[in-house]
mmCIF file of all heavy atoms, coordinates in Angstrom:
data_MODEL
# 
_entry.id   MODEL 
# 
loop_
_atom_site.group_PDB 
_atom_site.id 
_atom_site.type_symbol 
_atom_site.label_atom_id 
_atom_site.label_alt_id 
_atom_site.label_comp_id 
_atom_site.label_asym_id 
_atom_site.label_entity_id 
_atom_site.label_seq_id 
_atom_site.pdbx_PDB_ins_code 
_atom_site.Cartn_x 
_atom_site.Cartn_y 
_atom_site.Cartn_z 
_atom_site.occupancy 
_atom_site.B_iso_or_equiv 
_atom_site.pdbx_formal_charge 
_atom_site.auth_seq_id 
_atom_site.auth_comp_id 
_atom_site.auth_asym_id 
_atom_site.auth_atom_id 
_atom_site.pdbx_PDB_model_num 
ATOM 1   N N   . VAL A 1 1  ? 0.837   -1.206 0.001   1.00 0.00 ? 1  VAL A N   1 
ATOM 2   C CA  . VAL A 1 1  ? -0.002  0.003  0.001   1.00 0.00 ? 1  VAL A CA  1 
ATOM 3   C C   . VAL A 1 1  ? 0.872   1.257  0.001   1.00 0.00 ? 1  VAL A C   1 
ATOM 4   O O   . VAL A 1 1  ? 0.600   2.219  -0.727  1.00 0.00 ? 1  VAL A O   1 
ATOM 5   C CB  . VAL A 1 1  ? -0.972  -0.003 1.201   1.00 0.00 ? 1  VAL A CB  1 
ATOM 6   C CG1 . VAL A 1 1  ? -1.616  1.361  1.409   1.00 0.00 ? 1  VAL A CG1 1 
ATOM 7   C CG2 . VAL A 1 1  ? -2.050  -1.069 1.004   1.00 0.00 ? 1  VAL A CG2 1 
ATOM 8   N N   . THR A 1 2  ? 1.942   1.247  0.793   1.00 0.00 ? 2  THR A N   1 
ATOM 9   C CA  . THR A 1 2  ? 2.821   2.413  0.877   1.00 0.00 ? 2  THR A CA  1 
ATOM 10  C C   . THR A 1 2  ? 3.507   2.684  -0.457  1.00 0.00 ? 2  THR A C   1 
ATOM 11  O O   . THR A 1 2  ? 3.546   3.818  -0.927  1.00 0.00 ? 2  THR A O   1 
ATOM 12  C CB  . THR A 1 2  ? 3.862   2.227  1.994   1.00 0.00 ? 2  THR A CB  1 
ATOM 13  O OG1 . THR A 1 2  ? 3.182   2.033  3.235   1.00 0.00 ? 2  THR A OG1 1 
ATOM 14  C CG2 . THR A 1 2  ? 4.781   3.425  2.106   1.00 0.00 ? 2  THR A CG2 1 
ATOM 15  N N   . VAL A 1 3  ? 4.024   1.651  -1.096  1.00 0.00 ? 3  VAL A N   1 
ATOM 16  C CA  . VAL A 1 3  ? 4.691   1.825  -2.391  1.00 0.00 ? 3  VAL A CA  1 
ATOM 17  C C   . VAL A 1 3  ? 3.692   2.315  -3.434  1.00 0.00 ? 3  VAL A C   1 
ATOM 18  O O   . VAL A 1 3  ? 3.968   3.261  -4.184  1.00 0.00 ? 3  VAL A O   1 
ATOM 19  C CB  . VAL A 1 3  ? 5.382   0.520  -2.840  1.00 0.00 ? 3  VAL A CB  1 
ATOM 20  C CG1 . VAL A 1 3  ? 5.860   0.622  -4.281  1.00 0.00 ? 3  VAL A CG1 1 
ATOM 21  C CG2 . VAL A 1 3  ? 6.548   0.202  -1.920  1.00 0.00 ? 3  VAL A CG2 1 
ATOM 22  N N   . LEU A 1 4  ? 2.503   1.716  -3.487  1.00 0.00 ? 4  LEU A N   1 
ATOM 23  C CA  . LEU A 1 4  ? 1.489   2.163  -4.457  1.00 0.00 ? 4  LEU A CA  1 
ATOM 24  C C   . LEU A 1 4  ? 1.028   3.586  -4.168  1.00 0.00 ? 4  LEU A C   1 
ATOM 25  O O   . LEU A 1 4  ? 0.767   4.357  -5.099  1.00 0.00 ? 4  LEU A O   1 
ATOM 26  C CB  . LEU A 1 4  ? 0.308   1.184  -4.463  1.00 0.00 ? 4  LEU A CB  1 
ATOM 27  C CG  . LEU A 1 4  ? 0.628   -0.198 -5.049  1.00 0.00 ? 4  LEU A CG  1 
ATOM 28  C CD1 . LEU A 1 4  ? -0.550  -1.136 -4.865  1.00 0.00 ? 4  LEU A CD1 1 
ATOM 29  C CD2 . LEU A 1 4  ? 1.037   -0.097 -6.509  1.00 0.00 ? 4  LEU A CD2 1 
ATOM 30  N N   . HIS A 1 5  ? 0.945   3.963  -2.902  1.00 0.00 ? 5  HIS A N   1 
ATOM 31  C CA  . HIS A 1 5  ? 0.598   5.328  -2.515  1.00 0.00 ? 5  HIS A CA  1 
ATOM 32  C C   . HIS A 1 5  ? 1.622   6.303  -3.106  1.00 0.00 ? 5  HIS A C   1 
ATOM 33  O O   . HIS A 1 5  ? 1.256   7.312  -3.730  1.00 0.00 ? 5  HIS A O   1 
ATOM 34  C CB  . HIS A 1 5  ? 0.566   5.428  -0.990  1.00 0.00 ? 5  HIS A CB  1 
ATOM 35  C CG  . HIS A 1 5  ? 0.263   6.786  -0.458  1.00 0.00 ? 5  HIS A CG  1 
ATOM 36  N ND1 . HIS A 1 5  ? -0.969  7.120  0.037   1.00 0.00 ? 5  HIS A ND1 1 
ATOM 37  C CD2 . HIS A 1 5  ? 1.029   7.901  -0.343  1.00 0.00 ? 5  HIS A CD2 1 
ATOM 38  C CE1 . HIS A 1 5  ? -0.949  8.384  0.438   1.00 0.00 ? 5  HIS A CE1 1 
ATOM 39  N NE2 . HIS A 1 5  ? 0.261   8.876  0.216   1.00 0.00 ? 5  HIS A NE2 1 
ATOM 40  N N   . GLU A 1 6  ? 2.892   6.017  -2.920  1.00 0.00 ? 6  GLU A N   1 
ATOM 41  C CA  . GLU A 1 6  ? 3.943   6.916  -3.416  1.00 0.00 ? 6  GLU A CA  1 
ATOM 42  C C   . GLU A 1 6  ? 4.007   6.920  -4.939  1.00 0.00 ? 6  GLU A C   1 
ATOM 43  O O   . GLU A 1 6  ? 4.232   7.968  -5.558  1.00 0.00 ? 6  GLU A O   1 
ATOM 44  C CB  . GLU A 1 6  ? 5.293   6.541  -2.804  1.00 0.00 ? 6  GLU A CB  1 
ATOM 45  C CG  . GLU A 1 6  ? 5.329   6.596  -1.283  1.00 0.00 ? 6  GLU A CG  1 
ATOM 46  C CD  . GLU A 1 6  ? 4.803   7.884  -0.664  1.00 0.00 ? 6  GLU A CD  1 
ATOM 47  O OE1 . GLU A 1 6  ? 4.885   8.961  -1.290  1.00 0.00 ? 6  GLU A OE1 1 
ATOM 48  O OE2 . GLU A 1 6  ? 4.273   7.815  0.466   1.00 0.00 ? 6  GLU A OE2 1 
ATOM 49  N N   . ILE A 1 7  ? 3.767   5.790  -5.593  1.00 0.00 ? 7  ILE A N   1 
ATOM 50  C CA  . ILE A 1 7  ? 3.686   5.753  -7.052  1.00 0.00 ? 7  ILE A CA  1 
ATOM 51  C C   . ILE A 1 7  ? 2.519   6.621  -7.522  1.00 0.00 ? 7  ILE A C   1 
ATOM 52  O O   . ILE A 1 7  ? 2.610   7.307  -8.537  1.00 0.00 ? 7  ILE A O   1 
ATOM 53  C CB  . ILE A 1 7  ? 3.567   4.309  -7.569  1.00 0.00 ? 7  ILE A CB  1 
ATOM 54  C CG1 . ILE A 1 7  ? 4.891   3.568  -7.344  1.00 0.00 ? 7  ILE A CG1 1 
ATOM 55  C CG2 . ILE A 1 7  ? 3.175   4.277  -9.039  1.00 0.00 ? 7  ILE A CG2 1 
ATOM 56  C CD1 . ILE A 1 7  ? 4.825   2.073  -7.616  1.00 0.00 ? 7  ILE A CD1 1 
ATOM 57  N N   . GLY A 1 8  ? 1.423   6.600  -6.769  1.00 0.00 ? 8  GLY A N   1 
ATOM 58  C CA  . GLY A 1 8  ? 0.289   7.471  -7.089  1.00 0.00 ? 8  GLY A CA  1 
ATOM 59  C C   . GLY A 1 8  ? 0.684   8.945  -7.113  1.00 0.00 ? 8  GLY A C   1 
ATOM 60  O O   . GLY A 1 8  ? 0.268   9.695  -7.998  1.00 0.00 ? 8  GLY A O   1 
ATOM 61  N N   . HIS A 1 9  ? 1.504   9.364  -6.145  1.00 0.00 ? 9  HIS A N   1 
ATOM 62  C CA  . HIS A 1 9  ? 1.985   10.748 -6.155  1.00 0.00 ? 9  HIS A CA  1 
ATOM 63  C C   . HIS A 1 9  ? 2.815   11.021 -7.409  1.00 0.00 ? 9  HIS A C   1 
ATOM 64  O O   . HIS A 1 9  ? 2.739   12.103 -7.986  1.00 0.00 ? 9  HIS A O   1 
ATOM 65  C CB  . HIS A 1 9  ? 2.826   11.044 -4.912  1.00 0.00 ? 9  HIS A CB  1 
ATOM 66  C CG  . HIS A 1 9  ? 2.024   11.195 -3.659  1.00 0.00 ? 9  HIS A CG  1 
ATOM 67  N ND1 . HIS A 1 9  ? 0.905   12.001 -3.575  1.00 0.00 ? 9  HIS A ND1 1 
ATOM 68  C CD2 . HIS A 1 9  ? 2.178   10.644 -2.428  1.00 0.00 ? 9  HIS A CD2 1 
ATOM 69  C CE1 . HIS A 1 9  ? 0.412   11.945 -2.351  1.00 0.00 ? 9  HIS A CE1 1 
ATOM 70  N NE2 . HIS A 1 9  ? 1.160   11.116 -1.634  1.00 0.00 ? 9  HIS A NE2 1 
ATOM 71  N N   . HIS A 1 10 ? 3.611   10.050 -7.837  1.00 0.00 ? 10 HIS A N   1 
ATOM 72  C CA  . HIS A 1 10 ? 4.400   10.191 -9.067  1.00 0.00 ? 10 HIS A CA  1 
ATOM 73  C C   . HIS A 1 10 ? 3.491   10.499 -10.264 1.00 0.00 ? 10 HIS A C   1 
ATOM 74  O O   . HIS A 1 10 ? 3.857   11.282 -11.141 1.00 0.00 ? 10 HIS A O   1 
ATOM 75  C CB  . HIS A 1 10 ? 5.195   8.912  -9.306  1.00 0.00 ? 10 HIS A CB  1 
ATOM 76  C CG  . HIS A 1 10 ? 5.860   8.858  -10.643 1.00 0.00 ? 10 HIS A CG  1 
ATOM 77  N ND1 . HIS A 1 10 ? 6.991   9.595  -10.947 1.00 0.00 ? 10 HIS A ND1 1 
ATOM 78  C CD2 . HIS A 1 10 ? 5.561   8.158  -11.757 1.00 0.00 ? 10 HIS A CD2 1 
ATOM 79  C CE1 . HIS A 1 10 ? 7.347   9.347  -12.196 1.00 0.00 ? 10 HIS A CE1 1 
ATOM 80  N NE2 . HIS A 1 10 ? 6.497   8.484  -12.704 1.00 0.00 ? 10 HIS A NE2 1 
ATOM 81  N N   . PHE A 1 11 ? 2.315   9.896  -10.279 1.00 0.00 ? 11 PHE A N   1 
ATOM 82  C CA  . PHE A 1 11 ? 1.385   10.114 -11.380 1.00 0.00 ? 11 PHE A CA  1 
ATOM 83  C C   . PHE A 1 11 ? 0.418   11.264 -11.121 1.00 0.00 ? 11 PHE A C   1 
ATOM 84  O O   . PHE A 1 11 ? -0.559  11.435 -11.846 1.00 0.00 ? 11 PHE A O   1 
ATOM 85  C CB  . PHE A 1 11 ? 0.638   8.820  -11.707 1.00 0.00 ? 11 PHE A CB  1 
ATOM 86  C CG  . PHE A 1 11 ? 1.503   7.822  -12.417 1.00 0.00 ? 11 PHE A CG  1 
ATOM 87  C CD1 . PHE A 1 11 ? 1.968   6.703  -11.766 1.00 0.00 ? 11 PHE A CD1 1 
ATOM 88  C CD2 . PHE A 1 11 ? 1.898   8.035  -13.728 1.00 0.00 ? 11 PHE A CD2 1 
ATOM 89  C CE1 . PHE A 1 11 ? 2.797   5.793  -12.404 1.00 0.00 ? 11 PHE A CE1 1 
ATOM 90  C CE2 . PHE A 1 11 ? 2.719   7.126  -14.390 1.00 0.00 ? 11 PHE A CE2 1 
ATOM 91  C CZ  . PHE A 1 11 ? 3.177   6.010  -13.717 1.00 0.00 ? 11 PHE A CZ  1 
ATOM 92  N N   . GLY A 1 12 ? 0.681   12.051 -10.066 1.00 0.00 ? 12 GLY A N   1 
ATOM 93  C CA  . GLY A 1 12 ? -0.091  13.265 -9.838  1.00 0.00 ? 12 GLY A CA  1 
ATOM 94  C C   . GLY A 1 12 ? -1.315  13.124 -8.955  1.00 0.00 ? 12 GLY A C   1 
ATOM 95  O O   . GLY A 1 12 ? -2.098  14.058 -8.843  1.00 0.00 ? 12 GLY A O   1 
ATOM 96  N N   . LEU A 1 13 ? -1.514  11.967 -8.322  1.00 0.00 ? 13 LEU A N   1 
ATOM 97  C CA  . LEU A 1 13 ? -2.670  11.801 -7.439  1.00 0.00 ? 13 LEU A CA  1 
ATOM 98  C C   . LEU A 1 13 ? -2.429  12.472 -6.104  1.00 0.00 ? 13 LEU A C   1 
ATOM 99  O O   . LEU A 1 13 ? -1.320  12.425 -5.559  1.00 0.00 ? 13 LEU A O   1 
ATOM 100 C CB  . LEU A 1 13 ? -2.954  10.319 -7.223  1.00 0.00 ? 13 LEU A CB  1 
ATOM 101 C CG  . LEU A 1 13 ? -3.345  9.505  -8.455  1.00 0.00 ? 13 LEU A CG  1 
ATOM 102 C CD1 . LEU A 1 13 ? -3.488  8.041  -8.108  1.00 0.00 ? 13 LEU A CD1 1 
ATOM 103 C CD2 . LEU A 1 13 ? -4.601  10.040 -9.083  1.00 0.00 ? 13 LEU A CD2 1 
ATOM 104 N N   . GLY A 1 14 ? -3.469  13.099 -5.569  1.00 0.00 ? 14 GLY A N   1 
ATOM 105 C CA  . GLY A 1 14 ? -3.398  13.731 -4.262  1.00 0.00 ? 14 GLY A CA  1 
ATOM 106 C C   . GLY A 1 14 ? -3.826  12.782 -3.169  1.00 0.00 ? 14 GLY A C   1 
ATOM 107 O O   . GLY A 1 14 ? -4.285  11.661 -3.427  1.00 0.00 ? 14 GLY A O   1 
ATOM 108 N N   . GLU A 1 15 ? -3.704  13.236 -1.930  1.00 0.00 ? 15 GLU A N   1 
ATOM 109 C CA  . GLU A 1 15 ? -4.056  12.398 -0.773  1.00 0.00 ? 15 GLU A CA  1 
ATOM 110 C C   . GLU A 1 15 ? -5.513  11.933 -0.832  1.00 0.00 ? 15 GLU A C   1 
ATOM 111 O O   . GLU A 1 15 ? -5.810  10.785 -0.511  1.00 0.00 ? 15 GLU A O   1 
ATOM 112 C CB  . GLU A 1 15 ? -3.792  13.146 0.531   1.00 0.00 ? 15 GLU A CB  1 
ATOM 113 C CG  . GLU A 1 15 ? -2.322  13.414 0.801   1.00 0.00 ? 15 GLU A CG  1 
ATOM 114 C CD  . GLU A 1 15 ? -1.495  12.150 0.983   1.00 0.00 ? 15 GLU A CD  1 
ATOM 115 O OE1 . GLU A 1 15 ? -2.011  11.144 1.509   1.00 0.00 ? 15 GLU A OE1 1 
ATOM 116 O OE2 . GLU A 1 15 ? -0.317  12.180 0.592   1.00 0.00 ? 15 GLU A OE2 1 
ATOM 117 N N   . GLU A 1 16 ? -6.418  12.810 -1.231  1.00 0.00 ? 16 GLU A N   1 
ATOM 118 C CA  . GLU A 1 16 ? -7.848  12.441 -1.298  1.00 0.00 ? 16 GLU A CA  1 
ATOM 119 C C   . GLU A 1 16 ? -8.066  11.341 -2.336  1.00 0.00 ? 16 GLU A C   1 
ATOM 120 O O   . GLU A 1 16 ? -8.829  10.397 -2.098  1.00 0.00 ? 16 GLU A O   1 
ATOM 121 C CB  . GLU A 1 16 ? -8.721  13.655 -1.624  1.00 0.00 ? 16 GLU A CB  1 
ATOM 122 C CG  . GLU A 1 16 ? -8.622  14.784 -0.626  1.00 0.00 ? 16 GLU A CG  1 
ATOM 123 C CD  . GLU A 1 16 ? -7.394  15.675 -0.848  1.00 0.00 ? 16 GLU A CD  1 
ATOM 124 O OE1 . GLU A 1 16 ? -6.870  15.750 -1.983  1.00 0.00 ? 16 GLU A OE1 1 
ATOM 125 O OE2 . GLU A 1 16 ? -6.946  16.283 0.137   1.00 0.00 ? 16 GLU A OE2 1 
ATOM 126 N N   . ASP A 1 17 ? -7.412  11.472 -3.492  1.00 0.00 ? 17 ASP A N   1 
ATOM 127 C CA  . ASP A 1 17 ? -7.533  10.448 -4.541  1.00 0.00 ? 17 ASP A CA  1 
ATOM 128 C C   . ASP A 1 17 ? -7.021  9.104  -4.051  1.00 0.00 ? 17 ASP A C   1 
ATOM 129 O O   . ASP A 1 17 ? -7.656  8.071  -4.265  1.00 0.00 ? 17 ASP A O   1 
ATOM 130 C CB  . ASP A 1 17 ? -6.717  10.848 -5.788  1.00 0.00 ? 17 ASP A CB  1 
ATOM 131 C CG  . ASP A 1 17 ? -7.151  12.155 -6.408  1.00 0.00 ? 17 ASP A CG  1 
ATOM 132 O OD1 . ASP A 1 17 ? -8.374  12.388 -6.498  1.00 0.00 ? 17 ASP A OD1 1 
ATOM 133 O OD2 . ASP A 1 17 ? -6.271  12.948 -6.789  1.00 0.00 ? 17 ASP A OD2 1 
ATOM 134 N N   . LEU A 1 18 ? -5.868  9.126  -3.389  1.00 0.00 ? 18 LEU A N   1 
ATOM 135 C CA  . LEU A 1 18 ? -5.259  7.888  -2.919  1.00 0.00 ? 18 LEU A CA  1 
ATOM 136 C C   . LEU A 1 18 ? -6.096  7.243  -1.825  1.00 0.00 ? 18 LEU A C   1 
ATOM 137 O O   . LEU A 1 18 ? -6.228  6.014  -1.777  1.00 0.00 ? 18 LEU A O   1 
ATOM 138 C CB  . LEU A 1 18 ? -3.839  8.159  -2.434  1.00 0.00 ? 18 LEU A CB  1 
ATOM 139 C CG  . LEU A 1 18 ? -2.886  8.579  -3.562  1.00 0.00 ? 18 LEU A CG  1 
ATOM 140 C CD1 . LEU A 1 18 ? -1.631  9.212  -3.001  1.00 0.00 ? 18 LEU A CD1 1 
ATOM 141 C CD2 . LEU A 1 18 ? -2.564  7.394  -4.445  1.00 0.00 ? 18 LEU A CD2 1 
ATOM 142 N N   . GLU A 1 19 ? -6.685  8.056  -0.964  1.00 0.00 ? 19 GLU A N   1 
ATOM 143 C CA  . GLU A 1 19 ? -7.546  7.500  0.083   1.00 0.00 ? 19 GLU A CA  1 
ATOM 144 C C   . GLU A 1 19 ? -8.786  6.849  -0.530  1.00 0.00 ? 19 GLU A C   1 
ATOM 145 O O   . GLU A 1 19 ? -9.183  5.753  -0.134  1.00 0.00 ? 19 GLU A O   1 
ATOM 146 C CB  . GLU A 1 19 ? -7.954  8.590  1.060   1.00 0.00 ? 19 GLU A CB  1 
ATOM 147 C CG  . GLU A 1 19 ? -8.734  8.048  2.237   1.00 0.00 ? 19 GLU A CG  1 
ATOM 148 C CD  . GLU A 1 19 ? -8.904  9.055  3.363   1.00 0.00 ? 19 GLU A CD  1 
ATOM 149 O OE1 . GLU A 1 19 ? -8.406  10.172 3.265   1.00 0.00 ? 19 GLU A OE1 1 
ATOM 150 O OE2 . GLU A 1 19 ? -9.555  8.666  4.350   1.00 0.00 ? 19 GLU A OE2 1 
ATOM 151 N N   . ARG A 1 20 ? -9.369  7.512  -1.514  1.00 0.00 ? 20 ARG A N   1 
ATOM 152 C CA  . ARG A 1 20 ? -10.548 6.959  -2.195  1.00 0.00 ? 20 ARG A CA  1 
ATOM 153 C C   . ARG A 1 20 ? -10.238 5.623  -2.866  1.00 0.00 ? 20 ARG A C   1 
ATOM 154 O O   . ARG A 1 20 ? -11.064 4.716  -2.890  1.00 0.00 ? 20 ARG A O   1 
ATOM 155 C CB  . ARG A 1 20 ? -11.056 7.975  -3.214  1.00 0.00 ? 20 ARG A CB  1 
ATOM 156 C CG  . ARG A 1 20 ? -12.321 7.573  -3.921  1.00 0.00 ? 20 ARG A CG  1 
ATOM 157 C CD  . ARG A 1 20 ? -12.871 8.669  -4.837  1.00 0.00 ? 20 ARG A CD  1 
ATOM 158 N NE  . ARG A 1 20 ? -11.891 9.469  -5.538  1.00 0.00 ? 20 ARG A NE  1 
ATOM 159 C CZ  . ARG A 1 20 ? -11.245 9.100  -6.654  1.00 0.00 ? 20 ARG A CZ  1 
ATOM 160 N NH1 . ARG A 1 20 ? -11.471 7.931  -7.195  1.00 0.00 ? 20 ARG A NH1 1 
ATOM 161 N NH2 . ARG A 1 20 ? -10.361 9.909  -7.231  1.00 0.00 ? 20 ARG A NH2 1 
ATOM 162 N N   . LEU A 1 21 ? -9.006  5.485  -3.370  1.00 0.00 ? 21 LEU A N   1 
ATOM 163 C CA  . LEU A 1 21 ? -8.587  4.255  -4.032  1.00 0.00 ? 21 LEU A CA  1 
ATOM 164 C C   . LEU A 1 21 ? -8.119  3.167  -3.060  1.00 0.00 ? 21 LEU A C   1 
ATOM 165 O O   . LEU A 1 21 ? -7.819  2.055  -3.450  1.00 0.00 ? 21 LEU A O   1 
ATOM 166 C CB  . LEU A 1 21 ? -7.470  4.561  -5.029  1.00 0.00 ? 21 LEU A CB  1 
ATOM 167 C CG  . LEU A 1 21 ? -7.885  5.414  -6.219  1.00 0.00 ? 21 LEU A CG  1 
ATOM 168 C CD1 . LEU A 1 21 ? -6.650  5.908  -6.982  1.00 0.00 ? 21 LEU A CD1 1 
ATOM 169 C CD2 . LEU A 1 21 ? -8.815  4.644  -7.138  1.00 0.00 ? 21 LEU A CD2 1 
ATOM 170 N N   . GLY A 1 22 ? -8.036  3.512  -1.775  1.00 0.00 ? 22 GLY A N   1 
ATOM 171 C CA  . GLY A 1 22 ? -7.620  2.539  -0.768  1.00 0.00 ? 22 GLY A CA  1 
ATOM 172 C C   . GLY A 1 22 ? -6.134  2.466  -0.535  1.00 0.00 ? 22 GLY A C   1 
ATOM 173 O O   . GLY A 1 22 ? -5.626  1.515  0.049   1.00 0.00 ? 22 GLY A O   1 
ATOM 174 N N   . TYR A 1 23 ? -5.415  3.492  -0.966  1.00 0.00 ? 23 TYR A N   1 
ATOM 175 C CA  . TYR A 1 23 ? -3.969  3.515  -0.796  1.00 0.00 ? 23 TYR A CA  1 
ATOM 176 C C   . TYR A 1 23 ? -3.558  4.564  0.240   1.00 0.00 ? 23 TYR A C   1 
ATOM 177 O O   . TYR A 1 23 ? -2.697  5.378  0.027   1.00 0.00 ? 23 TYR A O   1 
ATOM 178 C CB  . TYR A 1 23 ? -3.255  3.787  -2.123  1.00 0.00 ? 23 TYR A CB  1 
ATOM 179 C CG  . TYR A 1 23 ? -3.531  2.712  -3.133  1.00 0.00 ? 23 TYR A CG  1 
ATOM 180 C CD1 . TYR A 1 23 ? -4.180  2.984  -4.315  1.00 0.00 ? 23 TYR A CD1 1 
ATOM 181 C CD2 . TYR A 1 23 ? -3.149  1.405  -2.886  1.00 0.00 ? 23 TYR A CD2 1 
ATOM 182 C CE1 . TYR A 1 23 ? -4.456  1.988  -5.229  1.00 0.00 ? 23 TYR A CE1 1 
ATOM 183 C CE2 . TYR A 1 23 ? -3.409  0.405  -3.791  1.00 0.00 ? 23 TYR A CE2 1 
ATOM 184 C CZ  . TYR A 1 23 ? -4.055  0.701  -4.964  1.00 0.00 ? 23 TYR A CZ  1 
ATOM 185 O OH  . TYR A 1 23 ? -4.306  -0.285 -5.855  1.00 0.00 ? 23 TYR A OH  1 
ATOM 186 N N   . ARG A 1 24 ? -4.146  4.471  1.389   1.00 0.00 ? 24 ARG A N   1 
ATOM 187 C CA  . ARG A 1 24 ? -3.865  5.435  2.465   1.00 0.00 ? 24 ARG A CA  1 
ATOM 188 C C   . ARG A 1 24 ? -3.412  4.697  3.685   1.00 0.00 ? 24 ARG A C   1 
ATOM 189 O O   . ARG A 1 24 ? -3.866  3.675  4.052   1.00 0.00 ? 24 ARG A O   1 
ATOM 190 C CB  . ARG A 1 24 ? -5.128  6.246  2.749   1.00 0.00 ? 24 ARG A CB  1 
ATOM 191 C CG  . ARG A 1 24 ? -5.035  7.176  3.885   1.00 0.00 ? 24 ARG A CG  1 
ATOM 192 C CD  . ARG A 1 24 ? -4.499  8.459  3.481   1.00 0.00 ? 24 ARG A CD  1 
ATOM 193 N NE  . ARG A 1 24 ? -4.416  9.270  4.701   1.00 0.00 ? 24 ARG A NE  1 
ATOM 194 C CZ  . ARG A 1 24 ? -3.965  10.469 4.712   1.00 0.00 ? 24 ARG A CZ  1 
ATOM 195 N NH1 . ARG A 1 24 ? -3.582  11.026 3.618   1.00 0.00 ? 24 ARG A NH1 1 
ATOM 196 N NH2 . ARG A 1 24 ? -3.900  11.140 5.814   1.00 0.00 ? 24 ARG A NH2 1 
# 
């Protein structure tokens, strides 16, 4: 989850987006 969360930031996702996707 942590690695996917940080990869999400690489692709421009914010904290709210990542939480909605379950990567928080």
